[in-house]
C-alpha cells in the first residue's frame, strides 16, 4: 500500500508510530543524501580540474587525472568525516 504503511507498529495500537523504525528510515535517507552530495561535488570538482575540452571520450591523461582526483577527494572526505565524528564523540562525552 502507501508510504505511511511502513511506519505502522503492526500491533493493536491502531496506527501507533514506531519511533525506532522512523529514526532508522531517517538515518538511511540522510546517508543516501550525503552519498549523492559527495558524488555530485566530486564529479563537479574533478571534471573542472581534469577535463579541458570535453569530447566523445577521455584520453589517457584525463582518465588518470579523474582517478587520482576522485581518490584524493575520497581520502579527504574520509579524513574530515573521521575527525568530525571524533569531535562529536568527545563533545558528547563532556556533556
PDB file of N, CA and C in Angstrom:
ATOM      1  N   UNK A   1       0.833  -1.182   0.000  1.00  0.00           N
ATOM      2  CA  UNK A   1       0.000   0.000   0.000  1.00  0.00           C
ATOM      3  C   UNK A   1       0.867   1.230   0.000  1.00  0.00           C
ATOM      4  N   UNK A   2       0.551   2.226   0.813  1.00  0.00           N
ATOM      5  CA  UNK A   2       1.241   3.503   0.697  1.00  0.00           C
ATOM      6  C   UNK A   2       2.484   3.622   1.542  1.00  0.00           C
ATOM      7  N   UNK A   3       3.113   4.794   1.472  1.00  0.00           N
ATOM      8  CA  UNK A   3       4.339   5.091   2.198  1.00  0.00           C
ATOM      9  C   UNK A   3       4.102   5.001   3.699  1.00  0.00           C
ATOM     10  N   UNK A   4       2.954   5.503   4.159  1.00  0.00           N
ATOM     11  CA  UNK A   4       2.651   5.535   5.577  1.00  0.00           C
ATOM     12  C   UNK A   4       2.574   4.158   6.210  1.00  0.00           C
ATOM     13  N   UNK A   5       2.284   3.141   5.417  1.00  0.00           N
ATOM     14  CA  UNK A   5       2.146   1.806   5.982  1.00  0.00           C
ATOM     15  C   UNK A   5       3.469   1.260   6.500  1.00  0.00           C
ATOM     16  N   UNK A   6       4.579   1.806   6.059  1.00  0.00           N
ATOM     17  CA  UNK A   6       5.888   1.352   6.532  1.00  0.00           C
ATOM     18  C   UNK A   6       6.143   1.759   7.977  1.00  0.00           C
ATOM     19  N   UNK A   7       5.405   2.746   8.458  1.00  0.00           N
ATOM     20  CA  UNK A   7       5.660   3.263   9.788  1.00  0.00           C
ATOM     21  C   UNK A   7       4.813   2.593  10.860  1.00  0.00           C
ATOM     22  N   UNK A   8       3.862   1.795  10.488  1.00  0.00           N
ATOM     23  CA  UNK A   8       2.977   1.179  11.471  1.00  0.00           C
ATOM     24  C   UNK A   8       3.711   0.198  12.353  1.00  0.00           C
ATOM     25  N   UNK A   9       3.233   0.045  13.583  1.00  0.00           N
ATOM     26  CA  UNK A   9       3.884  -0.871  14.510  1.00  0.00           C
ATOM     27  C   UNK A   9       3.402  -2.294  14.329  1.00  0.00           C
ATOM     28  N   UNK A  10       2.270  -2.464  13.625  1.00  0.00           N
ATOM     29  CA  UNK A  10       1.764  -3.797  13.380  1.00  0.00           C
ATOM     30  C   UNK A  10       0.995  -4.366  14.551  1.00  0.00           C
ATOM     31  N   UNK A  11       0.979  -3.660  15.673  1.00  0.00           N
ATOM     32  CA  UNK A  11       0.277  -4.154  16.858  1.00  0.00           C
ATOM     33  C   UNK A  11      -1.152  -3.656  16.892  1.00  0.00           C
ATOM     34  N   UNK A  12      -1.755  -3.756  18.053  1.00  0.00           N
ATOM     35  CA  UNK A  12      -3.141  -3.332  18.195  1.00  0.00           C
ATOM     36  C   UNK A  12      -3.225  -1.858  18.564  1.00  0.00           C
ATOM     37  N   UNK A  13      -2.143  -1.136  18.388  1.00  0.00           N
ATOM     38  CA  UNK A  13      -2.111   0.269  18.761  1.00  0.00           C
ATOM     39  C   UNK A  13      -2.892   1.156  17.819  1.00  0.00           C
ATOM     40  N   UNK A  14      -3.436   0.614  16.759  1.00  0.00           N
ATOM     41  CA  UNK A  14      -4.241   1.409  15.860  1.00  0.00           C
ATOM     42  C   UNK A  14      -3.454   2.480  15.143  1.00  0.00           C
ATOM     43  N   UNK A  15      -2.345   2.113  14.483  1.00  0.00           N
ATOM     44  CA  UNK A  15      -1.570   3.078  13.717  1.00  0.00           C
ATOM     45  C   UNK A  15      -0.510   3.789  14.529  1.00  0.00           C
ATOM     46  N   UNK A  16      -0.198   3.284  15.687  1.00  0.00           N
ATOM     47  CA  UNK A  16       0.840   3.881  16.534  1.00  0.00           C
ATOM     48  C   UNK A  16       2.186   3.827  15.810  1.00  0.00           C
ATOM     49  N   UNK A  17       2.913   4.934  15.823  1.00  0.00           N
ATOM     50  CA  UNK A  17       4.196   5.010  15.132  1.00  0.00           C
ATOM     51  C   UNK A  17       5.304   4.393  15.976  1.00  0.00           C
ATOM     52  N   UNK A  18       6.239   3.767  15.314  1.00  0.00           N
ATOM     53  CA  UNK A  18       7.404   3.184  15.977  1.00  0.00           C
ATOM     54  C   UNK A  18       8.565   4.158  15.816  1.00  0.00           C
ATOM     55  N   UNK A  19       8.925   4.898  16.872  1.00  0.00           N
ATOM     56  CA  UNK A  19       9.995   5.902  16.756  1.00  0.00           C
ATOM     57  C   UNK A  19      11.334   5.307  16.306  1.00  0.00           C
ATOM     58  N   UNK A  20      11.644   4.095  16.743  1.00  0.00           N
ATOM     59  CA  UNK A  20      12.904   3.469  16.337  1.00  0.00           C
ATOM     60  C   UNK A  20      12.953   3.223  14.841  1.00  0.00           C
ATOM     61  N   UNK A  21      11.845   2.749  14.278  1.00  0.00           N
ATOM     62  CA  UNK A  21      11.768   2.500  12.840  1.00  0.00           C
ATOM     63  C   UNK A  21      11.866   3.798  12.061  1.00  0.00           C
ATOM     64  N   UNK A  22      11.195   4.825  12.553  1.00  0.00           N
ATOM     65  CA  UNK A  22      11.246   6.122  11.880  1.00  0.00           C
ATOM     66  C   UNK A  22      12.669   6.664  11.886  1.00  0.00           C
ATOM     67  N   UNK A  23      13.349   6.562  13.033  1.00  0.00           N
ATOM     68  CA  UNK A  23      14.739   7.051  13.122  1.00  0.00           C
ATOM     69  C   UNK A  23      15.651   6.302  12.165  1.00  0.00           C
ATOM     70  N   UNK A  24      15.487   4.994  12.056  1.00  0.00           N
ATOM     71  CA  UNK A  24      16.310   4.213  11.135  1.00  0.00           C
ATOM     72  C   UNK A  24      16.066   4.653   9.689  1.00  0.00           C
ATOM     73  N   UNK A  25      14.817   4.888   9.332  1.00  0.00           N
ATOM     74  CA  UNK A  25      14.497   5.322   7.973  1.00  0.00           C
ATOM     75  C   UNK A  25      15.069   6.706   7.684  1.00  0.00           C
ATOM     76  N   UNK A  26      15.022   7.584   8.676  1.00  0.00           N
ATOM     77  CA  UNK A  26      15.590   8.921   8.513  1.00  0.00           C
ATOM     78  C   UNK A  26      17.104   8.827   8.341  1.00  0.00           C
ATOM     79  N   UNK A  27      17.750   7.970   9.143  1.00  0.00           N
ATOM     80  CA  UNK A  27      19.204   7.794   9.027  1.00  0.00           C
ATOM     81  C   UNK A  27      19.587   7.288   7.638  1.00  0.00           C
ATOM     82  N   UNK A  28      18.817   6.350   7.109  1.00  0.00           N
ATOM     83  CA  UNK A  28      19.093   5.829   5.766  1.00  0.00           C
ATOM     84  C   UNK A  28      18.931   6.937   4.732  1.00  0.00           C
ATOM     85  N   UNK A  29      17.867   7.732   4.854  1.00  0.00           N
ATOM     86  CA  UNK A  29      17.644   8.817   3.904  1.00  0.00           C
ATOM     87  C   UNK A  29      18.760   9.850   3.965  1.00  0.00           C
ATOM     88  N   UNK A  30      19.242  10.151   5.170  1.00  0.00           N
ATOM     89  CA  UNK A  30      20.349  11.096   5.326  1.00  0.00           C
ATOM     90  C   UNK A  30      21.620  10.530   4.706  1.00  0.00           C
ATOM     91  N   UNK A  31      21.888   9.244   4.925  1.00  0.00           N
ATOM     92  CA  UNK A  31      23.083   8.618   4.345  1.00  0.00           C
ATOM     93  C   UNK A  31      23.032   8.652   2.823  1.00  0.00           C
ATOM     94  N   UNK A  32      21.869   8.389   2.249  1.00  0.00           N
ATOM     95  CA  UNK A  32      21.715   8.429   0.792  1.00  0.00           C
ATOM     96  C   UNK A  32      21.940   9.854   0.282  1.00  0.00           C
ATOM     97  N   UNK A  33      21.359  10.833   0.960  1.00  0.00           N
ATOM     98  CA  UNK A  33      21.532  12.230   0.554  1.00  0.00           C
ATOM     99  C   UNK A  33      22.999  12.647   0.643  1.00  0.00           C
ATOM    100  N   UNK A  34      23.697  12.217   1.706  1.00  0.00           N
ATOM    101  CA  UNK A  34      25.123  12.541   1.845  1.00  0.00           C
ATOM    102  C   UNK A  34      25.953  11.903   0.736  1.00  0.00           C
ATOM    103  N   UNK A  35      25.643  10.657   0.392  1.00  0.00           N
ATOM    104  CA  UNK A  35      26.372   9.975  -0.680  1.00  0.00           C
ATOM    105  C   UNK A  35      26.127  10.670  -2.021  1.00  0.00           C
ATOM    106  N   UNK A  36      24.899  11.096  -2.263  1.00  0.00           N
ATOM    107  CA  UNK A  36      24.590  11.802  -3.506  1.00  0.00           C
ATOM    108  C   UNK A  36      25.320  13.129  -3.579  1.00  0.00           C
ATOM    109  N   UNK A  37      25.367  13.839  -2.452  1.00  0.00           N
ATOM    110  CA  UNK A  37      26.075  15.119  -2.409  1.00  0.00           C
ATOM    111  C   UNK A  37      27.571  14.920  -2.634  1.00  0.00           C
ATOM    112  N   UNK A  38      28.139  13.907  -1.993  1.00  0.00           N
ATOM    113  CA  UNK A  38      29.556  13.592  -2.177  1.00  0.00           C
ATOM    114  C   UNK A  38      29.860  13.312  -3.640  1.00  0.00           C
ATOM    115  N   UNK A  39      29.074  12.474  -4.261  1.00  0.00           N
ATOM    116  CA  UNK A  39      29.293  12.126  -5.666  1.00  0.00           C
ATOM    117  C   UNK A  39      29.164  13.352  -6.568  1.00  0.00           C
ATOM    118  N   UNK A  40      28.163  14.192  -6.318  1.00  0.00           N
ATOM    119  CA  UNK A  40      27.971  15.388  -7.139  1.00  0.00           C
ATOM    120  C   UNK A  40      29.134  16.359  -7.003  1.00  0.00           C
ATOM    121  N   UNK A  41      29.570  16.609  -5.762  1.00  0.00           N
ATOM    122  CA  UNK A  41      30.690  17.531  -5.543  1.00  0.00           C
ATOM    123  C   UNK A  41      31.979  16.992  -6.162  1.00  0.00           C
ATOM    124  N   UNK A  42      32.223  15.704  -5.962  1.00  0.00           N
ATOM    125  CA  UNK A  42      33.426  15.085  -6.502  1.00  0.00           C
ATOM    126  C   UNK A  42      33.419  15.167  -8.027  1.00  0.00           C
ATOM    127  N   UNK A  43      32.284  14.873  -8.624  1.00  0.00           N
ATOM    128  CA  UNK A  43      32.165  14.931 -10.081  1.00  0.00           C
ATOM    129  C   UNK A  43      32.436  16.343 -10.587  1.00  0.00           C
ATOM    130  N   UNK A  44      31.803  17.335  -9.960  1.00  0.00           N
ATOM    131  CA  UNK A  44      31.986  18.725 -10.385  1.00  0.00           C
ATOM    132  C   UNK A  44      33.444  19.156 -10.277  1.00  0.00           C
ATOM    133  N   UNK A  45      34.050  18.924  -9.114  1.00  0.00           N
ATOM    134  CA  UNK A  45      35.424  19.371  -8.892  1.00  0.00           C
ATOM    135  C   UNK A  45      36.408  18.669  -9.821  1.00  0.00           C
ATOM    136  N   UNK A  46      36.284  17.359  -9.931  1.00  0.00           N
ATOM    137  CA  UNK A  46      37.242  16.610 -10.740  1.00  0.00           C
ATOM    138  C   UNK A  46      37.045  16.885 -12.234  1.00  0.00           C
ATOM    139  N   UNK A  47      35.808  17.091 -12.667  1.00  0.00           N
ATOM    140  CA  UNK A  47      35.578  17.429 -14.072  1.00  0.00           C
ATOM    141  C   UNK A  47      36.240  18.759 -14.399  1.00  0.00           C
ATOM    142  N   UNK A  48      36.009  19.773 -13.528  1.00  0.00           N
ATOM    143  CA  UNK A  48      36.616  21.086 -13.782  1.00  0.00           C
ATOM    144  C   UNK A  48      38.130  21.018 -13.769  1.00  0.00           C
ATOM    145  N   UNK A  49      38.693  20.192 -12.892  1.00  0.00           N
ATOM    146  CA  UNK A  49      40.146  20.099 -12.773  1.00  0.00           C
ATOM    147  C   UNK A  49      40.774  19.344 -13.942  1.00  0.00           C
ATOM    148  N   UNK A  50      40.117  18.281 -14.411  1.00  0.00           N
ATOM    149  CA  UNK A  50      40.781  17.334 -15.305  1.00  0.00           C
ATOM    150  C   UNK A  50      40.365  17.416 -16.777  1.00  0.00           C
ATOM    151  N   UNK A  51      39.206  17.938 -17.058  1.00  0.00           N
ATOM    152  CA  UNK A  51      38.706  17.907 -18.433  1.00  0.00           C
ATOM    153  C   UNK A  51      38.804  19.295 -19.038  1.00  0.00           C
ATOM    154  N   UNK A  52      39.784  19.468 -19.925  1.00  0.00           N
ATOM    155  CA  UNK A  52      39.976  20.763 -20.570  1.00  0.00           C
ATOM    156  C   UNK A  52      38.991  21.008 -21.701  1.00  0.00           C
ATOM    157  N   UNK A  53      38.884  20.035 -22.578  1.00  0.00           N
ATOM    158  CA  UNK A  53      37.979  20.144 -23.722  1.00  0.00           C
ATOM    159  C   UNK A  53      37.129  18.884 -23.784  1.00  0.00           C
ATOM    160  N   UNK A  54      35.879  18.982 -23.309  1.00  0.00           N
ATOM    161  CA  UNK A  54      35.019  17.792 -23.352  1.00  0.00           C
ATOM    162  C   UNK A  54      34.861  17.266 -24.776  1.00  0.00           C
ATOM    163  N   UNK A  55      34.889  15.961 -24.903  1.00  0.00           N
ATOM    164  CA  UNK A  55      34.737  15.320 -26.201  1.00  0.00           C
ATOM    165  C   UNK A  55      33.997  14.011 -26.050  1.00  0.00           C
ATOM    166  N   UNK A  56      34.132  13.174 -27.036  1.00  0.00           N
ATOM    167  CA  UNK A  56      33.427  11.901 -27.034  1.00  0.00           C
ATOM    168  C   UNK A  56      34.039  10.858 -26.126  1.00  0.00           C
ATOM    169  N   UNK A  57      35.310  11.036 -25.732  1.00  0.00           N
ATOM    170  CA  UNK A  57      35.990  10.053 -24.891  1.00  0.00           C
ATOM    171  C   UNK A  57      37.083  10.759 -24.097  1.00  0.00           C
ATOM    172  N   UNK A  58      37.485  10.121 -22.996  1.00  0.00           N
ATOM    173  CA  UNK A  58      38.574  10.657 -22.191  1.00  0.00           C
ATOM    174  C   UNK A  58      39.893  10.109 -22.700  1.00  0.00           C
ATOM    175  N   UNK A  59      40.896  10.995 -22.815  1.00  0.00           N
ATOM    176  CA  UNK A  59      42.204  10.470 -23.193  1.00  0.00           C
ATOM    177  C   UNK A  59      42.884   9.899 -21.946  1.00  0.00           C
ATOM    178  N   UNK A  60      44.027   9.305 -22.129  1.00  0.00           N
ATOM    179  CA  UNK A  60      44.711   8.608 -21.042  1.00  0.00           C
ATOM    180  C   UNK A  60      45.029   9.527 -19.865  1.00  0.00           C
ATOM    181  N   UNK A  61      45.507  10.732 -20.151  1.00  0.00           N
ATOM    182  CA  UNK A  61      45.861  11.655 -19.067  1.00  0.00           C
ATOM    183  C   UNK A  61      44.610  12.118 -18.311  1.00  0.00           C
ATOM    184  N   UNK A  62      43.503  12.311 -19.018  1.00  0.00           N
ATOM    185  CA  UNK A  62      42.255  12.688 -18.347  1.00  0.00           C
ATOM    186  C   UNK A  62      41.761  11.560 -17.452  1.00  0.00           C
ATOM    187  N   UNK A  63      41.870  10.334 -17.918  1.00  0.00           N
ATOM    188  CA  UNK A  63      41.449   9.188 -17.111  1.00  0.00           C
ATOM    189  C   UNK A  63      42.266   9.099 -15.829  1.00  0.00           C
ATOM    190  N   UNK A  64      43.583   9.271 -15.954  1.00  0.00           N
ATOM    191  CA  UNK A  64      44.454   9.224 -14.775  1.00  0.00           C
ATOM    192  C   UNK A  64      44.142  10.365 -13.821  1.00  0.00           C
ATOM    193  N   UNK A  65      43.931  11.550 -14.380  1.00  0.00           N
ATOM    194  CA  UNK A  65      43.621  12.715 -13.555  1.00  0.00           C
ATOM    195  C   UNK A  65      42.313  12.498 -12.794  1.00  0.00           C
ATOM    196  N   UNK A  66      41.291  12.021 -13.481  1.00  0.00           N
ATOM    197  CA  UNK A  66      39.996  11.768 -12.840  1.00  0.00           C
ATOM    198  C   UNK A  66      40.159  10.740 -11.716  1.00  0.00           C
ATOM    199  N   UNK A  67      40.862   9.649 -11.986  1.00  0.00           N
ATOM    200  CA  UNK A  67      41.045   8.599 -10.979  1.00  0.00           C
ATOM    201  C   UNK A  67      41.778   9.141  -9.753  1.00  0.00           C
ATOM    202  N   UNK A  68      42.856   9.878  -9.983  1.00  0.00           N
ATOM    203  CA  UNK A  68      43.625  10.425  -8.861  1.00  0.00           C
ATOM    204  C   UNK A  68      42.823  11.473  -8.103  1.00  0.00           C
ATOM    205  N   UNK A  69      42.104  12.307  -8.823  1.00  0.00           N
ATOM    206  CA  UNK A  69      41.287  13.348  -8.195  1.00  0.00           C
ATOM    207  C   UNK A  69      40.222  12.718  -7.307  1.00  0.00           C
ATOM    208  N   UNK A  70      39.554  11.696  -7.826  1.00  0.00           N
ATOM    209  CA  UNK A  70      38.499  11.040  -7.048  1.00  0.00           C
ATOM    210  C   UNK A  70      39.085  10.344  -5.822  1.00  0.00           C
ATOM    211  N   UNK A  71      40.243   9.705  -5.979  1.00  0.00           N
ATOM    212  CA  UNK A  71      40.899   9.064  -4.839  1.00  0.00           C
ATOM    213  C   UNK A  71      41.251  10.083  -3.757  1.00  0.00           C
ATOM    214  N   UNK A  72      41.846  11.199  -4.175  1.00  0.00           N
ATOM    215  CA  UNK A  72      42.215  12.239  -3.203  1.00  0.00           C
ATOM    216  C   UNK A  72      40.973  12.824  -2.540  1.00  0.00           C
ATOM    217  N   UNK A  73      39.920  13.035  -3.324  1.00  0.00           N
ATOM    218  CA  UNK A  73      38.691  13.605  -2.778  1.00  0.00           C
ATOM    219  C   UNK A  73      38.095  12.663  -1.729  1.00  0.00           C
ATOM    220  N   UNK A  74      38.053  11.374  -2.050  1.00  0.00           N
ATOM    221  CA  UNK A  74      37.509  10.397  -1.100  1.00  0.00           C
ATOM    222  C   UNK A  74      38.369  10.312   0.159  1.00  0.00           C
ATOM    223  N   UNK A  75      39.692  10.320  -0.001  1.00  0.00           N
ATOM    224  CA  UNK A  75      40.584  10.304   1.163  1.00  0.00           C
ATOM    225  C   UNK A  75      40.333  11.524   2.049  1.00  0.00           C
ATOM    226  N   UNK A  76      40.197  12.690   1.428  1.00  0.00           N
ATOM    227  CA  UNK A  76      39.941  13.916   2.181  1.00  0.00           C
ATOM    228  C   UNK A  76      38.598  13.843   2.890  1.00  0.00           C
ATOM    229  N   UNK A  77      37.583  13.383   2.175  1.00  0.00           N
ATOM    230  CA  UNK A  77      36.239  13.256   2.756  1.00  0.00           C
ATOM    231  C   UNK A  77      36.277  12.330   3.980  1.00  0.00           C
ATOM    232  N   UNK A  78      36.961  11.199   3.847  1.00  0.00           N
ATOM    233  CA  UNK A  78      37.043  10.241   4.950  1.00  0.00           C
ATOM    234  C   UNK A  78      37.800  10.823   6.143  1.00  0.00           C
ATOM    235  N   UNK A  79      38.873  11.561   5.880  1.00  0.00           N
ATOM    236  CA  UNK A  79      39.644  12.185   6.953  1.00  0.00           C
ATOM    237  C   UNK A  79      38.790  13.196   7.707  1.00  0.00           C
ATOM    238  N   UNK A  80      38.087  14.035   6.972  1.00  0.00           N
ATOM    239  CA  UNK A  80      37.226  15.034   7.596  1.00  0.00           C
ATOM    240  C   UNK A  80      36.094  14.353   8.372  1.00  0.00           C
ATOM    241  N   UNK A  81      35.509  13.315   7.798  1.00  0.00           N
ATOM    242  CA  UNK A  81      34.412  12.604   8.472  1.00  0.00           C
ATOM    243  C   UNK A  81      34.877  11.972   9.780  1.00  0.00           C
ATOM    244  N   UNK A  82      36.055  11.340   9.760  1.00  0.00           N
ATOM    245  CA  UNK A  82      36.580  10.740  10.978  1.00  0.00           C
ATOM    246  C   UNK A  82      36.847  11.805  12.050  1.00  0.00           C
ATOM    247  N   UNK A  83      37.438  12.921  11.643  1.00  0.00           N
ATOM    248  CA  UNK A  83      37.722  13.998  12.595  1.00  0.00           C
ATOM    249  C   UNK A  83      36.427  14.570  13.160  1.00  0.00           C
ATOM    250  N   UNK A  84      35.427  14.746  12.322  1.00  0.00           N
ATOM    251  CA  UNK A  84      34.134  15.278  12.755  1.00  0.00           C
ATOM    252  C   UNK A  84      33.464  14.325  13.746  1.00  0.00           C
ATOM    253  N   UNK A  85      33.445  13.044  13.412  1.00  0.00           N
ATOM    254  CA  UNK A  85      32.832  12.053  14.300  1.00  0.00           C
ATOM    255  C   UNK A  85      33.573  11.967  15.638  1.00  0.00           C
ATOM    256  N   UNK A  86      34.888  12.043  15.586  1.00  0.00           N
ATOM    257  CA  UNK A  86      35.682  12.010  16.802  1.00  0.00           C
ATOM    258  C   UNK A  86      35.364  13.222  17.680  1.00  0.00           C
ATOM    259  N   UNK A  87      35.256  14.372  17.068  1.00  0.00           N
ATOM    260  CA  UNK A  87      34.918  15.581  17.819  1.00  0.00           C
ATOM    261  C   UNK A  87      33.525  15.480  18.438  1.00  0.00           C
ATOM    262  N   UNK A  88      32.569  14.957  17.668  1.00  0.00           N
ATOM    263  CA  UNK A  88      31.215  14.776  18.203  1.00  0.00           C
ATOM    264  C   UNK A  88      31.224  13.866  19.422  1.00  0.00           C
ATOM    265  N   UNK A  89      31.973  12.759  19.342  1.00  0.00           N
ATOM    266  CA  UNK A  89      32.043  11.829  20.466  1.00  0.00           C
ATOM    267  C   UNK A  89      32.663  12.479  21.694  1.00  0.00           C
ATOM    268  N   UNK A  90      33.719  13.279  21.486  1.00  0.00           N
ATOM    269  CA  UNK A  90      34.361  13.967  22.620  1.00  0.00           C
ATOM    270  C   UNK A  90      33.391  14.965  23.256  1.00  0.00           C
ATOM    271  N   UNK A  91      32.658  15.696  22.422  1.00  0.00           N
ATOM    272  CA  UNK A  91      31.733  16.692  22.955  1.00  0.00           C
ATOM    273  C   UNK A  91      30.579  16.018  23.680  1.00  0.00           C
ATOM    274  N   UNK A  92      30.097  14.885  23.175  1.00  0.00           N
ATOM    275  CA  UNK A  92      29.021  14.163  23.857  1.00  0.00           C
ATOM    276  C   UNK A  92      29.510  13.613  25.194  1.00  0.00           C
ATOM    277  N   UNK A  93      30.762  13.157  25.239  1.00  0.00           N
ATOM    278  CA  UNK A  93      31.315  12.611  26.476  1.00  0.00           C
ATOM    279  C   UNK A  93      31.481  13.697  27.544  1.00  0.00           C
ATOM    280  N   UNK A  94      31.703  14.928  27.103  1.00  0.00           N
ATOM    281  CA  UNK A  94      31.907  16.041  28.042  1.00  0.00           C
ATOM    282  C   UNK A  94      30.601  16.687  28.491  1.00  0.00           C
ATOM    283  N   UNK A  95      29.493  16.239  27.969  1.00  0.00           N
ATOM    284  CA  UNK A  95      28.199  16.856  28.324  1.00  0.00           C
ATOM    285  C   UNK A  95      27.747  16.423  29.698  1.00  0.00           C
TER     286      UNK A  95
END
